[in-house]
Structures are given as structure tokens and as C-alpha cells.
Amino acid sequence: MLIRPIEPADHETLWSVMEETIRAGETYAAPMQMSRDDGVRWWTEGKESVLVAEIGGQVVGTYYLKPNQLGNGSHVANAGYLVAPFARGQGVAKRLCEHSLSEARHRGYLAMQFNFVVETNETAVRLWQRLGFQIVATVPRAFRHPTRGLVGAHVMWQSLEAD
């Protein structure tokens, strides 16, 4: 798997990776009817870096990395991940997360925090926990799931400092 910086030529493919997840409305707090252009802007603008994962020249996933907060909170990284529907269950999210953790350490971040992991996204929650994240809080009824109603959102955190 090749993980590389996104290029403008990747935007159409990026949207194809994003669209089903956004339209389903089960894991990201984003408008389910957003347009391609709005979706690409939402994913790419204001991020420190956006990368894509390729297998055999085909984009199968993406992640962004950015400071979780500005100023005195900028030592904590934040990241988001999307995997193409056809590539799920193949370890893409795991590799993207591992890459982002390594990249965050390389850039001098001291921790990584996910601010809003929908509690019903159990596959992601288990993966993040296996990769060293802990649930530090759950905000009750923070996400309006399209089929399960109001569900909680976890704040997940991991230190990136050497032991």
C-alpha cells in the first residue's frame, strides 16, 4: 500500500471514497446531502496534510492530519479517516491510522485525539482501541444517527510521547 500526499487530480477519486459514507450519515457529523465540491473542501481545507492510500494505483482510503486546537492546544494532533467501501475489511484503516500516528510523532505532536467517534461505529472504536487509543469521555446523545436515533460520541486519546 502506498500512502502519499493528495493531489488536485485525486479530488474526483476522493469524493468516490467519501460519498457513500457521507450519504449514509452513520459515522461523520457532516451534511448527508453535501455536494462533491463541498465534501472535498470539507475534507481538505484547513488541514496540515491530507494523504491518500493506493493499492495497485487505485485510491482506497484517505486521512487528514491537523492540530486538534490552535495555540496552547496545538501539541495534540487530530486525524480523520475514510476507506472506500470496496476496500473495507482489508486493513486499510489500520495502516492509515498507523501512518498518521507515525507522521504525528515525526511532526512533534505529543498526543492524538479524536473528538467525535460515534459510539455505534463499533468497528472503528475497536480498531482505535487496539491501536492504543482510550475512550476518555463519551458525550451522550451528541450524534443523530439516521436509524438508531440519538447516540453518544466518544472522545478518544493516545499519548505519542516515548515511554
N, C-alpha and C. Protein backbone atom coordinates (compact mmCIF):
# COMPACT_ATOMS: atom_id res chain seq x y z
N MET A 1 0.85 -1.18 0.00
CA MET A 1 0.00 0.00 0.00
C MET A 1 0.89 1.23 0.00
N LEU A 2 0.64 2.13 -0.91
CA LEU A 2 1.34 3.40 -0.99
C LEU A 2 0.48 4.47 -0.34
N ILE A 3 1.05 5.20 0.61
CA ILE A 3 0.36 6.34 1.22
C ILE A 3 1.14 7.58 0.82
N ARG A 4 0.43 8.51 0.18
CA ARG A 4 1.09 9.68 -0.39
C ARG A 4 0.20 10.92 -0.22
N PRO A 5 0.82 12.10 -0.33
CA PRO A 5 0.02 13.34 -0.26
C PRO A 5 -1.01 13.39 -1.39
N ILE A 6 -2.15 13.93 -1.08
CA ILE A 6 -3.20 14.08 -2.09
C ILE A 6 -2.77 15.14 -3.10
N GLU A 7 -3.24 14.99 -4.32
CA GLU A 7 -3.01 15.95 -5.39
C GLU A 7 -4.37 16.41 -5.91
N PRO A 8 -4.45 17.60 -6.50
CA PRO A 8 -5.73 18.05 -7.05
C PRO A 8 -6.37 17.04 -8.00
N ALA A 9 -5.56 16.30 -8.73
CA ALA A 9 -6.10 15.30 -9.65
C ALA A 9 -6.81 14.16 -8.92
N ASP A 10 -6.60 14.04 -7.62
CA ASP A 10 -7.24 12.99 -6.81
C ASP A 10 -8.62 13.36 -6.32
N HIS A 11 -9.06 14.60 -6.50
CA HIS A 11 -10.30 15.06 -5.87
C HIS A 11 -11.53 14.27 -6.31
N GLU A 12 -11.62 13.90 -7.58
CA GLU A 12 -12.77 13.11 -8.03
C GLU A 12 -12.77 11.74 -7.36
N THR A 13 -11.61 11.13 -7.29
CA THR A 13 -11.49 9.83 -6.63
C THR A 13 -11.75 9.96 -5.13
N LEU A 14 -11.27 11.06 -4.54
CA LEU A 14 -11.52 11.30 -3.12
C LEU A 14 -13.02 11.30 -2.85
N TRP A 15 -13.77 11.98 -3.69
CA TRP A 15 -15.22 12.03 -3.49
C TRP A 15 -15.83 10.63 -3.62
N SER A 16 -15.32 9.82 -4.52
CA SER A 16 -15.87 8.47 -4.66
C SER A 16 -15.59 7.64 -3.39
N VAL A 17 -14.48 7.92 -2.72
CA VAL A 17 -14.18 7.24 -1.46
C VAL A 17 -15.12 7.75 -0.36
N MET A 18 -15.42 9.04 -0.38
CA MET A 18 -16.20 9.68 0.67
C MET A 18 -17.71 9.51 0.56
N GLU A 19 -18.21 9.52 -0.66
CA GLU A 19 -19.63 9.74 -0.88
C GLU A 19 -20.54 8.76 -0.14
N GLU A 20 -20.28 7.47 -0.24
CA GLU A 20 -21.18 6.50 0.41
C GLU A 20 -21.22 6.71 1.93
N THR A 21 -20.08 6.97 2.52
CA THR A 21 -20.02 7.19 3.97
C THR A 21 -20.80 8.45 4.35
N ILE A 22 -20.62 9.52 3.60
CA ILE A 22 -21.32 10.76 3.89
C ILE A 22 -22.82 10.58 3.71
N ARG A 23 -23.22 9.96 2.62
CA ARG A 23 -24.65 9.78 2.35
C ARG A 23 -25.33 8.89 3.39
N ALA A 24 -24.61 7.90 3.91
CA ALA A 24 -25.18 7.01 4.94
C ALA A 24 -25.42 7.75 6.24
N GLY A 25 -24.58 8.72 6.55
CA GLY A 25 -24.79 9.55 7.74
C GLY A 25 -24.62 8.83 9.06
N GLU A 26 -23.84 7.77 9.10
CA GLU A 26 -23.73 6.97 10.31
C GLU A 26 -22.46 7.21 11.12
N THR A 27 -21.45 7.88 10.54
CA THR A 27 -20.18 7.99 11.24
C THR A 27 -19.59 9.39 11.30
N TYR A 28 -19.95 10.27 10.41
CA TYR A 28 -19.40 11.63 10.41
C TYR A 28 -20.52 12.64 10.58
N ALA A 29 -20.25 13.67 11.37
CA ALA A 29 -21.20 14.77 11.54
C ALA A 29 -21.01 15.74 10.38
N ALA A 30 -21.51 15.34 9.24
CA ALA A 30 -21.42 16.14 8.02
C ALA A 30 -22.77 16.06 7.33
N PRO A 31 -23.14 17.11 6.61
CA PRO A 31 -24.43 17.07 5.91
C PRO A 31 -24.49 15.89 4.93
N MET A 32 -25.51 15.07 5.07
CA MET A 32 -25.64 13.87 4.24
C MET A 32 -25.85 14.21 2.77
N GLN A 33 -26.34 15.38 2.47
CA GLN A 33 -26.61 15.75 1.07
C GLN A 33 -25.56 16.71 0.50
N MET A 34 -24.39 16.80 1.17
CA MET A 34 -23.38 17.74 0.68
C MET A 34 -22.96 17.39 -0.75
N SER A 35 -22.57 18.42 -1.46
CA SER A 35 -22.13 18.23 -2.84
C SER A 35 -20.70 17.71 -2.87
N ARG A 36 -20.28 17.26 -4.04
CA ARG A 36 -18.91 16.80 -4.23
C ARG A 36 -17.92 17.89 -3.84
N ASP A 37 -18.15 19.10 -4.36
CA ASP A 37 -17.21 20.19 -4.09
C ASP A 37 -17.16 20.53 -2.61
N ASP A 38 -18.32 20.57 -1.96
CA ASP A 38 -18.35 20.85 -0.52
C ASP A 38 -17.66 19.74 0.26
N GLY A 39 -17.87 18.50 -0.17
CA GLY A 39 -17.23 17.37 0.52
C GLY A 39 -15.72 17.41 0.40
N VAL A 40 -15.22 17.67 -0.78
CA VAL A 40 -13.77 17.74 -0.98
C VAL A 40 -13.19 18.90 -0.17
N ARG A 41 -13.86 20.04 -0.20
CA ARG A 41 -13.40 21.19 0.61
C ARG A 41 -13.39 20.84 2.09
N TRP A 42 -14.47 20.24 2.57
CA TRP A 42 -14.59 19.87 3.98
C TRP A 42 -13.43 18.96 4.39
N TRP A 43 -13.06 18.03 3.54
CA TRP A 43 -12.01 17.05 3.88
C TRP A 43 -10.61 17.65 3.76
N THR A 44 -10.41 18.58 2.84
CA THR A 44 -9.05 19.00 2.53
C THR A 44 -8.66 20.37 3.09
N GLU A 45 -9.59 21.30 3.19
CA GLU A 45 -9.22 22.66 3.58
C GLU A 45 -8.97 22.76 5.08
N GLY A 46 -7.97 23.55 5.44
CA GLY A 46 -7.65 23.79 6.84
C GLY A 46 -6.93 22.63 7.51
N LYS A 47 -6.44 21.70 6.75
CA LYS A 47 -5.73 20.55 7.29
C LYS A 47 -4.23 20.76 7.09
N GLU A 48 -3.43 20.25 8.00
CA GLU A 48 -1.98 20.32 7.86
C GLU A 48 -1.53 19.46 6.68
N SER A 49 -2.13 18.28 6.58
CA SER A 49 -1.84 17.41 5.44
C SER A 49 -3.02 16.49 5.21
N VAL A 50 -3.19 16.13 3.94
CA VAL A 50 -4.20 15.15 3.53
C VAL A 50 -3.47 14.15 2.67
N LEU A 51 -3.66 12.88 3.00
CA LEU A 51 -2.99 11.81 2.27
C LEU A 51 -4.00 10.82 1.73
N VAL A 52 -3.61 10.10 0.70
CA VAL A 52 -4.43 9.03 0.16
C VAL A 52 -3.63 7.74 0.18
N ALA A 53 -4.34 6.64 0.27
CA ALA A 53 -3.73 5.31 0.21
C ALA A 53 -4.12 4.68 -1.12
N GLU A 54 -3.13 4.09 -1.77
CA GLU A 54 -3.36 3.42 -3.06
C GLU A 54 -2.93 1.97 -2.96
N ILE A 55 -3.69 1.12 -3.61
CA ILE A 55 -3.30 -0.26 -3.84
C ILE A 55 -3.40 -0.48 -5.34
N GLY A 56 -2.31 -0.86 -5.96
CA GLY A 56 -2.30 -1.08 -7.40
C GLY A 56 -2.72 0.15 -8.19
N GLY A 57 -2.38 1.33 -7.70
CA GLY A 57 -2.72 2.57 -8.39
C GLY A 57 -4.13 3.06 -8.15
N GLN A 58 -4.92 2.33 -7.37
CA GLN A 58 -6.30 2.72 -7.10
C GLN A 58 -6.40 3.28 -5.68
N VAL A 59 -7.00 4.47 -5.53
CA VAL A 59 -7.16 5.08 -4.21
C VAL A 59 -8.20 4.29 -3.42
N VAL A 60 -7.78 3.85 -2.23
CA VAL A 60 -8.65 3.02 -1.39
C VAL A 60 -8.99 3.67 -0.06
N GLY A 61 -8.33 4.80 0.25
CA GLY A 61 -8.61 5.46 1.51
C GLY A 61 -7.89 6.79 1.59
N THR A 62 -8.18 7.51 2.67
CA THR A 62 -7.60 8.83 2.87
C THR A 62 -7.57 9.14 4.36
N TYR A 63 -6.65 10.01 4.73
CA TYR A 63 -6.70 10.59 6.06
C TYR A 63 -6.17 12.02 6.02
N TYR A 64 -6.62 12.79 7.02
CA TYR A 64 -6.04 14.12 7.20
C TYR A 64 -5.41 14.18 8.57
N LEU A 65 -4.47 15.10 8.71
CA LEU A 65 -3.79 15.35 9.98
C LEU A 65 -3.77 16.85 10.20
N LYS A 66 -4.05 17.26 11.42
CA LYS A 66 -4.04 18.68 11.76
C LYS A 66 -3.90 18.82 13.27
N PRO A 67 -3.54 20.02 13.72
CA PRO A 67 -3.57 20.25 15.17
C PRO A 67 -5.01 20.16 15.66
N ASN A 68 -5.20 19.56 16.83
CA ASN A 68 -6.54 19.44 17.38
C ASN A 68 -7.10 20.82 17.76
N GLN A 69 -6.23 21.69 18.23
CA GLN A 69 -6.61 23.04 18.62
C GLN A 69 -5.49 23.99 18.19
N LEU A 70 -5.73 25.26 18.28
CA LEU A 70 -4.71 26.26 17.99
C LEU A 70 -3.93 26.60 19.26
N GLY A 71 -2.87 27.34 19.11
CA GLY A 71 -2.13 27.89 20.25
C GLY A 71 -1.69 26.84 21.24
N ASN A 72 -2.12 27.00 22.47
CA ASN A 72 -1.66 26.14 23.55
C ASN A 72 -2.22 24.72 23.50
N GLY A 73 -3.07 24.43 22.53
CA GLY A 73 -3.55 23.07 22.32
C GLY A 73 -2.99 22.43 21.06
N SER A 74 -2.04 23.12 20.42
CA SER A 74 -1.56 22.65 19.11
C SER A 74 -0.55 21.51 19.20
N HIS A 75 -0.19 21.08 20.39
CA HIS A 75 0.72 19.94 20.54
C HIS A 75 -0.02 18.61 20.44
N VAL A 76 -1.35 18.65 20.35
CA VAL A 76 -2.18 17.45 20.21
C VAL A 76 -2.69 17.40 18.78
N ALA A 77 -2.47 16.27 18.12
CA ALA A 77 -2.91 16.09 16.74
C ALA A 77 -4.36 15.61 16.70
N ASN A 78 -4.96 15.79 15.56
CA ASN A 78 -6.28 15.26 15.27
C ASN A 78 -6.21 14.68 13.86
N ALA A 79 -6.96 13.63 13.62
CA ALA A 79 -6.98 13.00 12.31
C ALA A 79 -8.37 12.46 12.02
N GLY A 80 -8.66 12.29 10.75
CA GLY A 80 -9.89 11.66 10.30
C GLY A 80 -9.55 10.69 9.19
N TYR A 81 -10.35 9.64 9.05
CA TYR A 81 -10.04 8.56 8.11
C TYR A 81 -11.29 8.18 7.33
N LEU A 82 -11.10 7.83 6.08
CA LEU A 82 -12.17 7.28 5.26
C LEU A 82 -11.58 6.17 4.40
N VAL A 83 -12.32 5.08 4.29
CA VAL A 83 -11.91 3.94 3.46
C VAL A 83 -13.00 3.70 2.43
N ALA A 84 -12.59 3.48 1.19
CA ALA A 84 -13.55 3.18 0.13
C ALA A 84 -14.35 1.94 0.50
N PRO A 85 -15.64 1.95 0.24
CA PRO A 85 -16.48 0.80 0.60
C PRO A 85 -15.93 -0.54 0.10
N PHE A 86 -15.41 -0.59 -1.13
CA PHE A 86 -14.92 -1.85 -1.68
C PHE A 86 -13.62 -2.32 -1.00
N ALA A 87 -12.97 -1.46 -0.24
CA ALA A 87 -11.69 -1.81 0.39
C ALA A 87 -11.81 -2.07 1.89
N ARG A 88 -13.01 -2.01 2.42
CA ARG A 88 -13.17 -2.23 3.86
C ARG A 88 -12.87 -3.68 4.22
N GLY A 89 -12.35 -3.86 5.43
CA GLY A 89 -12.02 -5.20 5.90
C GLY A 89 -10.68 -5.70 5.39
N GLN A 90 -9.90 -4.84 4.76
CA GLN A 90 -8.62 -5.25 4.20
C GLN A 90 -7.44 -4.62 4.93
N GLY A 91 -7.68 -4.01 6.08
CA GLY A 91 -6.60 -3.42 6.87
C GLY A 91 -6.21 -2.02 6.46
N VAL A 92 -6.99 -1.38 5.59
CA VAL A 92 -6.66 -0.04 5.12
C VAL A 92 -6.73 0.96 6.27
N ALA A 93 -7.79 0.95 7.05
CA ALA A 93 -7.93 1.91 8.16
C ALA A 93 -6.79 1.73 9.16
N LYS A 94 -6.43 0.51 9.43
CA LYS A 94 -5.33 0.25 10.37
C LYS A 94 -4.04 0.88 9.86
N ARG A 95 -3.73 0.65 8.59
CA ARG A 95 -2.50 1.22 8.01
C ARG A 95 -2.55 2.74 7.99
N LEU A 96 -3.71 3.31 7.65
CA LEU A 96 -3.84 4.77 7.65
C LEU A 96 -3.60 5.33 9.05
N CYS A 97 -4.19 4.70 10.05
CA CYS A 97 -4.03 5.19 11.42
C CYS A 97 -2.58 5.04 11.86
N GLU A 98 -1.97 3.90 11.60
CA GLU A 98 -0.56 3.71 11.97
C GLU A 98 0.32 4.76 11.30
N HIS A 99 0.06 5.03 10.03
CA HIS A 99 0.83 6.03 9.30
C HIS A 99 0.63 7.41 9.93
N SER A 100 -0.61 7.74 10.27
CA SER A 100 -0.89 9.06 10.84
C SER A 100 -0.23 9.22 12.21
N LEU A 101 -0.20 8.16 13.00
CA LEU A 101 0.46 8.22 14.31
C LEU A 101 1.95 8.45 14.14
N SER A 102 2.55 7.75 13.20
CA SER A 102 3.97 7.93 12.92
C SER A 102 4.25 9.34 12.42
N GLU A 103 3.42 9.82 11.52
CA GLU A 103 3.59 11.16 10.97
C GLU A 103 3.41 12.21 12.07
N ALA A 104 2.44 12.01 12.94
CA ALA A 104 2.22 12.96 14.04
C ALA A 104 3.44 13.00 14.97
N ARG A 105 3.98 11.84 15.31
CA ARG A 105 5.19 11.80 16.14
C ARG A 105 6.33 12.54 15.44
N HIS A 106 6.50 12.27 14.16
CA HIS A 106 7.56 12.90 13.37
C HIS A 106 7.42 14.43 13.37
N ARG A 107 6.19 14.91 13.38
CA ARG A 107 5.94 16.35 13.36
C ARG A 107 5.98 16.98 14.76
N GLY A 108 6.24 16.16 15.78
CA GLY A 108 6.41 16.70 17.12
C GLY A 108 5.16 16.77 17.98
N TYR A 109 4.08 16.19 17.51
CA TYR A 109 2.88 16.15 18.36
C TYR A 109 3.13 15.24 19.56
N LEU A 110 2.53 15.57 20.68
CA LEU A 110 2.71 14.79 21.90
C LEU A 110 1.56 13.83 22.17
N ALA A 111 0.47 13.99 21.46
CA ALA A 111 -0.69 13.11 21.64
C ALA A 111 -1.56 13.24 20.39
N MET A 112 -2.51 12.30 20.25
CA MET A 112 -3.52 12.40 19.21
C MET A 112 -4.87 12.23 19.88
N GLN A 113 -5.81 13.04 19.44
CA GLN A 113 -7.16 13.00 19.99
C GLN A 113 -8.18 12.97 18.87
N PHE A 114 -9.13 12.05 19.00
CA PHE A 114 -10.30 12.03 18.12
C PHE A 114 -11.44 12.64 18.91
N ASN A 115 -12.03 13.70 18.42
CA ASN A 115 -13.04 14.45 19.17
C ASN A 115 -14.44 13.87 19.10
N PHE A 116 -14.71 13.04 18.10
CA PHE A 116 -16.11 12.70 17.84
C PHE A 116 -16.18 11.35 17.13
N VAL A 117 -16.01 10.26 17.88
CA VAL A 117 -16.12 8.92 17.31
C VAL A 117 -17.50 8.39 17.71
N VAL A 118 -18.37 8.26 16.75
CA VAL A 118 -19.75 7.84 17.04
C VAL A 118 -19.72 6.45 17.68
N GLU A 119 -20.36 6.32 18.84
CA GLU A 119 -20.26 5.09 19.62
C GLU A 119 -20.82 3.87 18.88
N THR A 120 -21.73 4.07 17.94
CA THR A 120 -22.26 2.93 17.19
C THR A 120 -21.31 2.49 16.07
N ASN A 121 -20.25 3.22 15.83
CA ASN A 121 -19.23 2.84 14.86
C ASN A 121 -18.26 1.88 15.57
N GLU A 122 -18.79 0.73 15.94
CA GLU A 122 -18.06 -0.20 16.80
C GLU A 122 -16.79 -0.74 16.17
N THR A 123 -16.78 -0.93 14.87
CA THR A 123 -15.57 -1.41 14.20
C THR A 123 -14.43 -0.42 14.39
N ALA A 124 -14.72 0.86 14.18
CA ALA A 124 -13.68 1.89 14.35
C ALA A 124 -13.27 1.99 15.82
N VAL A 125 -14.22 1.98 16.73
CA VAL A 125 -13.89 2.09 18.15
C VAL A 125 -12.95 0.96 18.56
N ARG A 126 -13.26 -0.26 18.15
CA ARG A 126 -12.38 -1.40 18.49
C ARG A 126 -10.99 -1.24 17.87
N LEU A 127 -10.94 -0.81 16.62
CA LEU A 127 -9.64 -0.63 15.96
C LEU A 127 -8.83 0.43 16.67
N TRP A 128 -9.43 1.57 16.95
CA TRP A 128 -8.68 2.64 17.62
C TRP A 128 -8.18 2.17 18.98
N GLN A 129 -8.99 1.40 19.69
CA GLN A 129 -8.54 0.88 20.98
C GLN A 129 -7.38 -0.10 20.81
N ARG A 130 -7.46 -0.97 19.81
CA ARG A 130 -6.34 -1.89 19.55
C ARG A 130 -5.05 -1.13 19.20
N LEU A 131 -5.19 0.04 18.61
CA LEU A 131 -4.03 0.83 18.23
C LEU A 131 -3.58 1.78 19.34
N GLY A 132 -4.16 1.64 20.53
CA GLY A 132 -3.66 2.36 21.70
C GLY A 132 -4.49 3.53 22.18
N PHE A 133 -5.60 3.82 21.53
CA PHE A 133 -6.46 4.91 21.97
C PHE A 133 -7.33 4.45 23.13
N GLN A 134 -7.62 5.37 24.01
CA GLN A 134 -8.57 5.09 25.09
C GLN A 134 -9.73 6.08 25.00
N ILE A 135 -10.88 5.62 25.42
CA ILE A 135 -12.04 6.50 25.48
C ILE A 135 -11.89 7.31 26.76
N VAL A 136 -11.78 8.63 26.63
CA VAL A 136 -11.61 9.48 27.80
C VAL A 136 -12.91 10.16 28.20
N ALA A 137 -13.87 10.16 27.30
CA ALA A 137 -15.20 10.72 27.61
C ALA A 137 -16.17 10.26 26.53
N THR A 138 -17.43 10.24 26.90
CA THR A 138 -18.49 10.00 25.93
C THR A 138 -19.52 11.10 26.12
N VAL A 139 -19.79 11.80 25.05
CA VAL A 139 -20.79 12.86 25.08
C VAL A 139 -22.12 12.21 24.74
N PRO A 140 -23.05 12.17 25.70
CA PRO A 140 -24.32 11.48 25.43
C PRO A 140 -25.16 12.21 24.39
N ARG A 141 -25.82 11.40 23.56
CA ARG A 141 -26.82 11.90 22.60
C ARG A 141 -26.27 13.01 21.70
N ALA A 142 -24.97 12.94 21.37
CA ALA A 142 -24.32 14.01 20.61
C ALA A 142 -24.48 13.85 19.10
N PHE A 143 -24.90 12.68 18.65
CA PHE A 143 -24.98 12.40 17.21
C PHE A 143 -26.36 11.87 16.88
N ARG A 144 -26.94 12.43 15.84
CA ARG A 144 -28.27 11.98 15.39
C ARG A 144 -28.07 10.92 14.31
N HIS A 145 -28.06 9.67 14.73
CA HIS A 145 -27.87 8.53 13.81
C HIS A 145 -29.15 8.35 13.01
N PRO A 146 -29.04 8.13 11.69
CA PRO A 146 -30.25 8.07 10.87
C PRO A 146 -31.19 6.91 11.17
N THR A 147 -30.69 5.83 11.78
CA THR A 147 -31.58 4.71 12.11
C THR A 147 -31.66 4.42 13.60
N ARG A 148 -30.68 4.80 14.37
CA ARG A 148 -30.65 4.49 15.81
C ARG A 148 -31.02 5.67 16.69
N GLY A 149 -31.27 6.81 16.09
CA GLY A 149 -31.64 7.99 16.87
C GLY A 149 -30.42 8.63 17.52
N LEU A 150 -30.64 9.27 18.65
CA LEU A 150 -29.56 9.98 19.33
C LEU A 150 -28.64 9.00 20.03
N VAL A 151 -27.35 9.05 19.65
CA VAL A 151 -26.34 8.16 20.24
C VAL A 151 -25.16 9.01 20.71
N GLY A 152 -24.32 8.42 21.52
CA GLY A 152 -23.17 9.13 22.06
C GLY A 152 -22.02 9.22 21.08
N ALA A 153 -21.10 10.12 21.42
CA ALA A 153 -19.86 10.28 20.65
C ALA A 153 -18.70 10.23 21.63
N HIS A 154 -17.73 9.38 21.34
CA HIS A 154 -16.55 9.25 22.19
C HIS A 154 -15.49 10.28 21.84
N VAL A 155 -14.79 10.73 22.88
CA VAL A 155 -13.53 11.43 22.72
C VAL A 155 -12.47 10.38 23.01
N MET A 156 -11.58 10.15 22.05
CA MET A 156 -10.55 9.11 22.20
C MET A 156 -9.19 9.77 22.11
N TRP A 157 -8.24 9.26 22.91
CA TRP A 157 -6.96 9.93 23.06
C TRP A 157 -5.83 8.91 23.20
N GLN A 158 -4.66 9.30 22.75
CA GLN A 158 -3.46 8.47 22.90
C GLN A 158 -2.24 9.37 23.02
N SER A 159 -1.38 9.05 23.97
CA SER A 159 -0.10 9.75 24.08
C SER A 159 0.81 9.31 22.95
N LEU A 160 1.61 10.24 22.44
CA LEU A 160 2.60 9.93 21.42
C LEU A 160 4.01 10.09 21.96
N GLU A 161 4.13 10.38 23.23
CA GLU A 161 5.44 10.54 23.85
C GLU A 161 6.06 9.18 24.09
N ALA A 162 7.38 9.13 23.97
CA ALA A 162 8.10 7.87 24.23
C ALA A 162 7.93 7.49 25.69
N ASP A 163 7.81 6.19 25.93
CA ASP A 163 7.61 5.71 27.31
C ASP A 163 8.82 5.93 28.16
